[in-house]
Amino acid sequence: MVTSLHIPRLVIAAPSSGSGKTTVATGLMAAFSERGLAVSPHKAGPDYIDPGYHALATGRPGRNLDAFMCGPDLVAPLFAHGAAGCDLALVEGVMGLYDGAAGRGELASTAQVAKLLRAPVVLVVDASSQSRSVAALVHGFASFDPQVRLGGVILNKVGSDRHEAMLREALEEAGMPVLGVLRRAPQVAAPSRHLGLVPVAERRSDAVSSVSALADQVRAGCDLEALMALARTAPALECEPWSPQGALVPRDGHDGPQALDARGAGPRPVIAVAGGPAFTFSYAEHAELLTAAGAEVVTFDPLRDEALPGGTTGLVIGGGFPEVYAPELAANAPLREAVAAFAAAGGPVAAECAGLLYLARSLDGKPMCGVLDADARMSERLTLGYREAVAVSDSALAVAGTRLRGHEFHRTVIEPGAGSAPAWGFTHPERRVEGFVRQGVHASYLHTHWAAEPSVALRFARSAARAR
């Protein structure tokens, strides 16, 4: 049912990466939450790490809005699902405001998400090396696409009172409101490494302090009342909110996802999902879809737990940083053996990126689970980008021929890169096969968003029920 969603909302964007979007977005989320508002946090694009900081700031799941992986038509419904019942929604952009999928125009850009949500945009500008030129920069971003409504600017990395005065004067001439000014504050910067920020799960106590410091910085430097007033100018959003239950109901009378409980006549199948510091990448909608399909979702930590959760009949090992924790993962031999035994018995396993590495024989010379006849190692080369893929082999996750869009993001390689029964055939931007399908195992570097194709969640839940 199409409904009118009346929720104040803002998109926090920037001219380029490194301008301070995450600092400002996370600080605003924390500052407004501390005022007692229910804040819905969102991230444009496929990023897994920033939503962890958003969740810490708001106490709600950080959710992604990815117009490439899920399609433009799902952006507003997924937003409405996450923002239901909230007082304010904040969306952190990706890269520069108009940057999106390579060669696809505005697709998957922050600008496209803002237009789909009919949300005003606040531009975070790194002002550290400019003064009056800031007006030309902002004017260009404001006029590039008339359908993108730029409602104001937050100036970041301002050096002094005089610097601030020059910036304000220039933007006043351009008619652009200054909604905040933040000075350089390295003490609140989150540490980074080879794939970006260090996830919250790896530095939780320090992350709590960092988020609190960001809230203090934003509260002191930003006009929260003006920002909230701008958020309230967003018009009603007309859409049907996404729901995991609704996603499993076929709408055209043809074969497809069914609203049929995967457990059949027995107890709910138990699907164990890897978590903890080494496996931090997941989309909230995946667990919601598995639950809606009748499964009981239980989290376990491969760094600490020496056995799979009791009654496990399905195993999901998502992305993360096993390369950082290879010695600790190798030392947990009981769990590695339990995973290997589960896979050998034909149990359904869905592994993405980090999960792929964990199932290999070795990672940087350290023994892993040995489910796959492959070895993984760190690489100097970053593999990054959207992919269009088709399932090559029938598996517990997908029927051969299933088409999905996904994302690769890693600095590791696995040899060989594909098994005799590959998981995916990439059709764009390059043609190659990748990943492994073996008995119940589906393992690949490709990150996917199951909301785009809910049948994979239902198929996996049913596979887990049959393995019970």
Protein backbone atom coordinates (compact mmCIF):
# COMPACT_ATOMS: atom_id res chain seq x y z
CA MET A 1 0.00 0.00 0.00
CA VAL A 2 1.38 3.39 -1.01
CA THR A 3 1.56 5.74 1.96
CA SER A 4 2.64 9.32 2.58
CA LEU A 5 5.71 9.36 4.78
CA HIS A 6 6.07 12.65 6.60
CA ILE A 7 9.54 12.54 8.12
CA PRO A 8 12.08 15.36 8.31
CA ARG A 9 15.19 14.28 6.41
CA LEU A 10 18.55 15.51 5.17
CA VAL A 11 21.23 14.14 2.88
CA ILE A 12 24.78 14.94 4.03
CA ALA A 13 26.97 15.21 0.92
CA ALA A 14 30.34 16.62 -0.11
CA PRO A 15 32.26 17.72 -3.22
CA SER A 16 34.59 14.71 -2.85
CA SER A 17 35.65 11.90 -0.57
CA GLY A 18 37.70 13.01 2.43
CA SER A 19 35.74 16.22 2.99
CA GLY A 20 34.29 15.11 6.32
CA LYS A 21 30.90 13.58 5.49
CA THR A 22 31.24 10.78 8.03
CA THR A 23 32.41 13.19 10.74
CA VAL A 24 29.46 15.51 10.19
CA ALA A 25 26.80 12.85 9.56
CA THR A 26 27.77 10.76 12.59
CA GLY A 27 28.10 13.83 14.79
CA LEU A 28 24.68 15.09 13.73
CA MET A 29 23.11 11.69 14.33
CA ALA A 30 24.58 11.59 17.84
CA ALA A 31 23.76 15.20 18.64
CA PHE A 32 20.11 14.90 17.60
CA SER A 33 19.79 11.53 19.35
CA GLU A 34 21.08 13.08 22.57
CA ARG A 35 18.20 15.55 22.30
CA GLY A 36 15.81 12.63 22.63
CA LEU A 37 14.92 12.33 18.94
CA ALA A 38 14.56 8.96 17.25
CA VAL A 39 17.06 9.30 14.40
CA SER A 40 17.06 6.92 11.45
CA PRO A 41 20.60 6.50 10.04
CA HIS A 42 21.26 5.70 6.39
CA LYS A 43 24.27 5.45 4.08
CA ALA A 44 24.21 5.87 0.31
CA GLY A 45 26.16 3.16 -1.49
CA PRO A 46 27.56 -0.21 -0.45
CA ASP A 47 29.70 0.87 2.52
CA TYR A 48 29.49 -1.41 5.59
CA ILE A 49 31.75 0.47 8.00
CA ASP A 50 30.14 3.90 8.29
CA PRO A 51 26.73 2.38 9.20
CA GLY A 52 28.40 0.81 12.25
CA TYR A 53 29.26 4.29 13.53
CA HIS A 54 25.77 5.49 12.62
CA ALA A 55 24.24 2.68 14.66
CA LEU A 56 26.44 3.57 17.61
CA ALA A 57 25.33 7.21 17.35
CA THR A 58 21.61 6.47 17.12
CA GLY A 59 20.97 3.09 18.72
CA ARG A 60 19.26 1.94 15.50
CA PRO A 61 20.55 -0.26 12.66
CA GLY A 62 22.54 1.64 10.06
CA ARG A 63 20.93 0.94 6.68
CA ASN A 64 22.27 1.27 3.15
CA LEU A 65 20.52 2.84 0.19
CA ASP A 66 22.19 1.54 -2.96
CA ALA A 67 20.51 2.40 -6.24
CA PHE A 68 22.87 0.14 -8.21
CA MET A 69 22.56 -3.05 -6.20
CA CYS A 70 18.88 -2.68 -5.29
CA GLY A 71 17.67 -0.49 -8.14
CA PRO A 72 16.32 3.08 -7.93
CA ASP A 73 12.76 1.84 -7.30
CA LEU A 74 13.76 0.29 -3.96
CA VAL A 75 15.59 3.31 -2.52
CA ALA A 76 12.50 5.08 -1.14
CA PRO A 77 10.80 1.87 0.10
CA LEU A 78 13.94 0.74 1.94
CA PHE A 79 14.33 4.23 3.40
CA ALA A 80 10.70 4.22 4.56
CA HIS A 81 11.20 0.79 6.16
CA GLY A 82 14.17 1.99 8.19
CA ALA A 83 12.74 5.41 9.06
CA ALA A 84 9.32 4.23 10.22
CA GLY A 85 8.39 5.88 13.51
CA CYS A 86 11.43 8.17 13.62
CA ASP A 87 11.57 11.91 14.20
CA LEU A 88 14.42 12.57 11.78
CA ALA A 89 16.31 10.69 9.09
CA LEU A 90 19.88 11.47 8.07
CA VAL A 91 21.51 10.00 4.97
CA GLU A 92 25.29 10.10 4.60
CA GLY A 93 26.31 10.31 0.97
CA VAL A 94 29.02 8.44 -0.90
CA MET A 95 32.08 9.97 -2.62
CA GLY A 96 31.31 13.35 -4.21
CA LEU A 97 27.70 14.48 -4.56
CA TYR A 98 27.46 13.61 -8.25
CA ASP A 99 29.76 10.56 -8.30
CA GLY A 100 28.10 7.22 -8.97
CA ALA A 101 28.57 3.93 -10.78
CA ALA A 102 31.33 4.33 -13.36
CA GLY A 103 29.96 5.05 -16.81
CA ARG A 104 26.31 5.04 -15.61
CA GLY A 105 25.60 8.75 -15.27
CA GLU A 106 23.94 9.60 -11.97
CA LEU A 107 23.16 5.96 -11.06
CA ALA A 108 24.02 5.20 -7.41
CA SER A 109 25.18 8.76 -6.75
CA THR A 110 24.29 10.72 -3.64
CA ALA A 111 22.47 13.17 -5.92
CA GLN A 112 20.24 10.42 -7.27
CA VAL A 113 19.42 9.18 -3.76
CA ALA A 114 18.56 12.74 -2.68
CA LYS A 115 16.20 13.14 -5.64
CA LEU A 116 14.55 9.78 -5.05
CA LEU A 117 13.96 10.77 -1.41
CA ARG A 118 13.00 14.37 -2.26
CA ALA A 119 15.44 15.38 0.48
CA PRO A 120 17.34 18.65 0.87
CA VAL A 121 21.13 18.35 0.71
CA VAL A 122 23.70 19.80 3.09
CA LEU A 123 27.15 20.09 1.49
CA VAL A 124 30.16 19.48 3.73
CA VAL A 125 33.10 21.46 2.32
CA ASP A 126 36.73 21.02 3.28
CA ALA A 127 37.65 24.70 3.49
CA SER A 128 41.24 24.18 4.64
CA SER A 129 42.88 25.52 1.47
CA GLN A 130 40.45 28.13 0.17
CA SER A 131 38.63 31.32 1.03
CA ARG A 132 36.48 33.19 -1.54
CA SER A 133 36.76 30.31 -4.01
CA VAL A 134 34.40 28.37 -1.77
CA ALA A 135 31.53 30.39 -3.24
CA ALA A 136 32.38 29.30 -6.79
CA LEU A 137 32.68 25.70 -5.68
CA VAL A 138 29.33 25.71 -3.89
CA HIS A 139 27.63 27.60 -6.71
CA GLY A 140 28.75 24.94 -9.16
CA PHE A 141 27.36 22.11 -7.03
CA ALA A 142 24.10 23.97 -6.42
CA SER A 143 23.48 24.72 -10.11
CA PHE A 144 24.77 21.51 -11.75
CA ASP A 145 21.43 19.69 -11.39
CA PRO A 146 18.36 21.88 -10.70
CA GLN A 147 16.52 18.85 -9.28
CA VAL A 148 19.03 18.59 -6.42
CA ARG A 149 18.08 21.06 -3.71
CA LEU A 150 21.18 22.29 -1.91
CA GLY A 151 19.90 23.79 1.32
CA GLY A 152 23.11 24.89 3.01
CA VAL A 153 26.77 24.30 3.72
CA ILE A 154 28.78 23.04 6.66
CA LEU A 155 32.37 24.26 6.50
CA ASN A 156 34.91 21.75 7.77
CA LYS A 157 38.58 22.17 8.78
CA VAL A 158 38.33 25.93 9.21
CA GLY A 159 41.61 27.34 10.49
CA SER A 160 40.78 30.55 12.37
CA ASP A 161 38.19 33.22 13.09
CA ARG A 162 39.50 35.30 10.18
CA HIS A 163 39.33 32.29 7.86
CA GLU A 164 35.75 31.69 8.94
CA ALA A 165 34.82 35.33 8.34
CA MET A 166 36.17 35.23 4.78
CA LEU A 167 34.30 32.01 4.02
CA ARG A 168 31.04 33.32 5.43
CA GLU A 169 31.34 36.56 3.47
CA ALA A 170 31.89 34.69 0.22
CA LEU A 171 28.95 32.35 0.77
CA GLU A 172 26.69 35.22 1.81
CA GLU A 173 27.41 36.85 -1.56
CA ALA A 174 26.46 33.57 -3.22
CA GLY A 175 23.22 33.37 -1.22
CA MET A 176 24.10 30.04 0.38
CA PRO A 177 23.34 29.57 4.11
CA VAL A 178 26.19 28.46 6.35
CA LEU A 179 24.68 25.89 8.72
CA GLY A 180 27.85 25.00 10.57
CA VAL A 181 31.56 25.65 10.97
CA LEU A 182 33.91 22.98 12.29
CA ARG A 183 37.51 23.63 13.23
CA ARG A 184 40.30 21.11 12.75
CA ALA A 185 39.96 18.46 15.47
CA PRO A 186 42.26 15.46 14.85
CA GLN A 187 41.49 14.03 18.28
CA VAL A 188 38.07 12.83 17.07
CA ALA A 189 39.30 11.24 13.86
CA ALA A 190 38.69 7.49 13.62
CA PRO A 191 41.70 5.34 12.66
CA SER A 192 41.89 3.98 9.12
CA ARG A 193 43.66 1.12 7.37
CA HIS A 194 43.68 -0.66 3.99
CA LEU A 195 39.90 -0.62 3.39
CA GLY A 196 38.90 2.54 5.24
CA LEU A 197 37.85 3.23 8.83
CA VAL A 198 38.42 0.58 11.47
CA PRO A 199 34.95 -0.90 12.23
CA VAL A 200 33.19 -0.17 15.50
CA ALA A 201 33.29 -3.83 16.56
CA GLU A 202 37.10 -3.71 16.64
CA ARG A 203 37.38 -0.60 18.84
CA ARG A 204 34.04 -0.29 20.58
CA SER A 205 35.09 1.63 23.71
CA ASP A 206 37.24 4.04 21.69
CA ALA A 207 34.48 4.35 19.09
CA VAL A 208 31.98 5.33 21.79
CA SER A 209 34.34 8.08 22.91
CA SER A 210 34.91 9.20 19.30
CA VAL A 211 31.19 9.41 18.57
CA SER A 212 30.62 11.36 21.77
CA ALA A 213 33.40 13.78 20.79
CA LEU A 214 31.88 14.16 17.32
CA ALA A 215 28.53 15.01 18.90
CA ASP A 216 30.21 17.66 21.06
CA GLN A 217 32.02 19.12 18.05
CA VAL A 218 28.90 19.23 15.89
CA ARG A 219 26.75 20.62 18.68
CA ALA A 220 29.23 23.44 19.23
CA GLY A 221 29.79 24.24 15.56
CA CYS A 222 26.47 23.58 13.82
CA ASP A 223 23.09 25.28 13.99
CA LEU A 224 20.98 22.28 14.92
CA GLU A 225 17.77 24.30 14.89
CA ALA A 226 18.41 25.54 11.35
CA LEU A 227 19.33 22.04 10.21
CA MET A 228 16.14 20.60 11.69
CA ALA A 229 14.11 23.39 10.08
CA LEU A 230 15.66 22.52 6.72
CA ALA A 231 14.91 18.82 7.26
CA ARG A 232 11.25 19.69 7.90
CA THR A 233 10.97 21.29 4.45
CA ALA A 234 11.20 17.83 2.84
CA PRO A 235 7.81 17.07 1.27
CA ALA A 236 5.80 13.93 1.92
CA LEU A 237 7.39 10.84 0.39
CA GLU A 238 4.83 8.76 -1.50
CA CYS A 239 5.85 5.10 -1.55
CA GLU A 240 5.07 1.64 -0.24
CA PRO A 241 7.50 0.89 2.59
CA TRP A 242 9.57 -2.23 2.04
CA SER A 243 8.96 -5.10 4.43
CA PRO A 244 10.69 -8.49 4.66
CA GLN A 245 7.34 -10.26 4.80
CA GLY A 246 5.98 -8.39 1.81
CA ALA A 247 9.18 -9.00 -0.15
CA LEU A 248 8.60 -12.76 0.04
CA VAL A 249 5.13 -12.57 -1.54
CA PRO A 250 4.92 -13.00 -5.34
CA ARG A 251 3.09 -10.17 -7.08
CA ASP A 252 2.67 -11.46 -10.61
CA GLY A 253 1.35 -14.97 -10.16
CA HIS A 254 4.52 -16.54 -11.53
CA ASP A 255 7.09 -18.66 -9.80
CA GLY A 256 9.14 -16.60 -7.38
CA PRO A 257 9.49 -15.84 -3.68
CA GLN A 258 6.66 -17.34 -1.68
CA ALA A 259 5.29 -16.26 1.68
CA LEU A 260 5.73 -19.83 2.82
CA ASP A 261 7.37 -20.56 6.13
CA ALA A 262 10.63 -22.39 5.43
CA ARG A 263 10.37 -24.53 8.55
CA GLY A 264 7.50 -26.65 7.22
CA ALA A 265 6.08 -28.84 9.96
CA GLY A 266 9.19 -28.82 12.16
CA PRO A 267 10.93 -26.28 14.37
CA ARG A 268 12.48 -23.17 12.86
CA PRO A 269 15.79 -23.84 11.07
CA VAL A 270 18.71 -22.21 12.89
CA ILE A 271 20.90 -20.07 10.64
CA ALA A 272 24.18 -19.08 12.27
CA VAL A 273 25.60 -15.73 11.12
CA ALA A 274 29.28 -14.95 11.71
CA GLY A 275 29.92 -11.75 13.66
CA GLY A 276 32.47 -10.28 16.02
CA PRO A 277 35.47 -8.12 15.08
CA ALA A 278 36.57 -10.28 12.11
CA PHE A 279 33.16 -10.41 10.37
CA THR A 280 31.48 -7.02 10.62
CA PHE A 281 29.95 -6.60 7.16
CA SER A 282 26.23 -7.29 6.90
CA TYR A 283 23.03 -5.66 5.73
CA ALA A 284 20.24 -5.59 8.31
CA GLU A 285 17.72 -6.67 5.67
CA HIS A 286 19.43 -10.06 5.24
CA ALA A 287 18.63 -11.20 8.77
CA GLU A 288 15.16 -9.69 8.48
CA LEU A 289 14.46 -11.66 5.31
CA LEU A 290 15.75 -14.93 6.80
CA THR A 291 13.57 -14.38 9.87
CA ALA A 292 10.55 -13.60 7.70
CA ALA A 293 11.22 -16.84 5.80
CA GLY A 294 10.86 -18.78 9.04
CA ALA A 295 14.44 -19.11 10.23
CA GLU A 296 15.93 -18.38 13.63
CA VAL A 297 19.01 -16.19 13.11
CA VAL A 298 21.78 -16.60 15.70
CA THR A 299 25.09 -14.72 15.72
CA PHE A 300 28.40 -16.34 16.64
CA ASP A 301 31.99 -15.04 16.83
CA PRO A 302 34.63 -17.12 15.00
CA LEU A 303 37.34 -15.52 17.11
CA ARG A 304 35.92 -16.75 20.40
CA ASP A 305 33.26 -19.43 19.94
CA GLU A 306 34.64 -22.95 19.63
CA ALA A 307 31.42 -24.46 18.27
CA LEU A 308 28.58 -23.44 16.01
CA PRO A 309 25.34 -22.45 17.77
CA GLY A 310 23.28 -25.40 18.87
CA GLY A 311 21.06 -26.84 16.16
CA THR A 312 22.72 -24.91 13.32
CA THR A 313 21.31 -25.98 9.94
CA GLY A 314 22.53 -23.04 7.84
CA LEU A 315 25.67 -20.90 7.97
CA VAL A 316 26.18 -17.32 6.71
CA ILE A 317 29.72 -15.89 6.76
CA GLY A 318 29.73 -12.36 5.43
CA GLY A 319 32.41 -9.76 4.89
CA GLY A 320 34.94 -8.28 7.25
CA PHE A 321 38.64 -8.42 7.99
CA PRO A 322 39.84 -12.00 8.49
CA GLU A 323 43.24 -10.91 7.13
CA VAL A 324 43.70 -8.78 10.26
CA TYR A 325 42.78 -11.68 12.52
CA ALA A 326 44.27 -14.61 10.61
CA PRO A 327 46.41 -15.85 13.54
CA GLU A 328 43.46 -15.78 15.95
CA LEU A 329 41.11 -17.46 13.47
CA ALA A 330 43.73 -20.12 12.80
CA ALA A 331 44.19 -20.71 16.54
CA ASN A 332 40.48 -21.52 16.96
CA ALA A 333 40.89 -25.01 15.52
CA PRO A 334 37.71 -26.44 17.11
CA LEU A 335 35.49 -24.00 15.24
CA ARG A 336 37.39 -24.38 11.98
CA GLU A 337 36.88 -28.12 12.24
CA ALA A 338 33.19 -27.66 13.05
CA VAL A 339 32.69 -25.46 9.98
CA ALA A 340 34.53 -27.95 7.80
CA ALA A 341 32.44 -30.83 9.14
CA PHE A 342 29.21 -28.87 8.60
CA ALA A 343 30.15 -28.15 4.99
CA ALA A 344 31.31 -31.74 4.38
CA ALA A 345 27.93 -32.99 5.55
CA GLY A 346 26.24 -30.86 2.87
CA GLY A 347 25.05 -28.09 5.18
CA PRO A 348 24.12 -24.87 3.33
CA VAL A 349 26.80 -22.18 3.60
CA ALA A 350 26.63 -18.67 2.10
CA ALA A 351 30.02 -16.95 2.23
CA GLU A 352 30.88 -13.47 0.91
CA CYS A 353 34.41 -12.03 0.63
CA ALA A 354 35.75 -12.53 4.17
CA GLY A 355 33.68 -15.70 4.38
CA LEU A 356 35.32 -16.91 1.19
CA LEU A 357 38.77 -16.41 2.74
CA TYR A 358 37.74 -18.18 5.95
CA LEU A 359 36.60 -21.24 3.99
CA ALA A 360 39.91 -21.47 2.09
CA ARG A 361 42.76 -23.82 3.00
CA SER A 362 44.92 -20.93 4.17
CA LEU A 363 45.07 -17.15 4.51
CA ASP A 364 48.54 -15.59 4.42
CA GLY A 365 49.96 -19.00 5.28
CA LYS A 366 47.68 -19.51 8.31
CA PRO A 367 45.32 -22.52 8.24
CA MET A 368 41.64 -21.72 7.71
CA CYS A 369 38.67 -24.09 7.44
CA GLY A 370 39.86 -26.01 4.38
CA VAL A 371 36.40 -26.25 2.87
CA LEU A 372 37.69 -24.95 -0.48
CA ASP A 373 40.72 -26.18 -2.41
CA ALA A 374 42.13 -22.67 -2.58
CA ASP A 375 44.58 -20.41 -0.77
CA ALA A 376 44.24 -16.69 -0.05
CA ARG A 377 46.73 -13.93 0.61
CA MET A 378 46.94 -10.17 0.97
CA SER A 379 47.64 -8.16 -2.17
CA GLU A 380 48.89 -4.66 -2.98
CA ARG A 381 46.07 -4.27 -5.49
CA LEU A 382 42.69 -2.96 -4.44
CA THR A 383 39.76 -4.63 -6.19
CA LEU A 384 36.83 -2.25 -6.06
CA GLY A 385 33.66 -1.69 -8.03
CA TYR A 386 30.13 -2.64 -8.90
CA ARG A 387 29.50 -5.87 -10.78
CA GLU A 388 26.63 -7.34 -12.76
CA ALA A 389 26.48 -11.08 -12.21
CA VAL A 390 24.53 -14.19 -13.11
CA ALA A 391 24.54 -17.39 -11.04
CA VAL A 392 26.47 -20.03 -13.00
CA SER A 393 25.63 -23.07 -10.85
CA ASP A 394 22.60 -24.13 -8.85
CA SER A 395 23.35 -23.66 -5.16
CA ALA A 396 21.73 -23.36 -1.76
CA LEU A 397 21.61 -19.61 -2.40
CA ALA A 398 20.56 -19.17 -6.01
CA VAL A 399 19.22 -21.02 -9.02
CA ALA A 400 21.51 -20.95 -12.04
CA GLY A 401 20.53 -17.99 -14.19
CA THR A 402 19.61 -15.75 -11.25
CA ARG A 403 20.81 -12.23 -12.00
CA LEU A 404 22.09 -9.93 -9.27
CA ARG A 405 24.10 -6.76 -9.00
CA GLY A 406 26.83 -6.67 -6.41
CA HIS A 407 30.02 -5.02 -5.24
CA GLU A 408 33.63 -6.12 -4.81
CA PHE A 409 35.91 -4.48 -2.24
CA HIS A 410 39.08 -6.27 -1.12
CA ARG A 411 42.88 -6.27 -1.07
CA THR A 412 43.25 -10.02 -1.15
CA VAL A 413 43.44 -12.66 -3.86
CA ILE A 414 42.45 -16.30 -3.79
CA GLU A 415 44.01 -18.95 -6.01
CA PRO A 416 42.34 -20.38 -7.92
CA GLY A 417 39.76 -17.63 -8.32
CA ALA A 418 36.97 -20.05 -9.24
CA GLY A 419 36.14 -23.70 -8.77
CA SER A 420 34.97 -26.27 -11.28
CA ALA A 421 31.45 -25.06 -10.48
CA PRO A 422 31.79 -21.24 -10.22
CA ALA A 423 29.41 -19.16 -8.15
CA TRP A 424 29.00 -16.17 -10.48
CA GLY A 425 29.66 -15.15 -14.03
CA PHE A 426 30.33 -11.44 -14.23
CA THR A 427 28.79 -9.73 -17.26
CA HIS A 428 29.87 -6.15 -16.51
CA PRO A 429 32.28 -4.36 -16.43
CA GLU A 430 34.33 -7.45 -17.39
CA ARG A 431 33.39 -11.00 -18.29
CA ARG A 432 34.81 -13.71 -16.04
CA VAL A 433 33.69 -16.45 -13.67
CA GLU A 434 34.33 -16.25 -9.96
CA GLY A 435 33.71 -18.11 -6.72
CA PHE A 436 32.87 -21.66 -5.73
CA VAL A 437 29.79 -23.86 -5.48
CA ARG A 438 30.44 -27.19 -3.80
CA GLN A 439 27.76 -29.35 -2.16
CA GLY A 440 25.85 -26.83 -0.03
CA VAL A 441 28.55 -24.14 -0.18
CA HIS A 442 28.23 -20.91 -2.14
CA ALA A 443 31.40 -18.81 -1.68
CA SER A 444 32.38 -15.68 -3.56
CA TYR A 445 34.04 -12.27 -3.29
CA LEU A 446 30.81 -10.62 -4.44
CA HIS A 447 28.80 -8.67 -1.85
CA THR A 448 25.08 -8.72 -2.66
CA HIS A 449 21.99 -7.10 -1.19
CA TRP A 450 19.24 -9.66 -0.81
CA ALA A 451 16.45 -7.08 -0.82
CA ALA A 452 17.10 -6.83 -4.56
CA GLU A 453 16.31 -10.53 -5.02
CA PRO A 454 14.51 -11.90 -1.94
CA SER A 455 14.27 -15.35 -3.49
CA VAL A 456 17.87 -16.02 -2.45
CA ALA A 457 17.00 -15.54 1.22
CA LEU A 458 13.98 -17.81 0.95
CA ARG A 459 15.94 -20.44 -0.99
CA PHE A 460 18.68 -20.40 1.64
CA ALA A 461 16.18 -20.65 4.51
CA ARG A 462 14.53 -23.60 2.80
CA SER A 463 17.93 -25.23 2.27
CA ALA A 464 18.56 -24.84 5.99
CA ALA A 465 15.17 -26.37 6.79
CA ARG A 466 15.91 -29.39 4.60
CA ALA A 467 19.29 -29.81 6.31
CA ARG A 468 17.61 -29.92 9.71
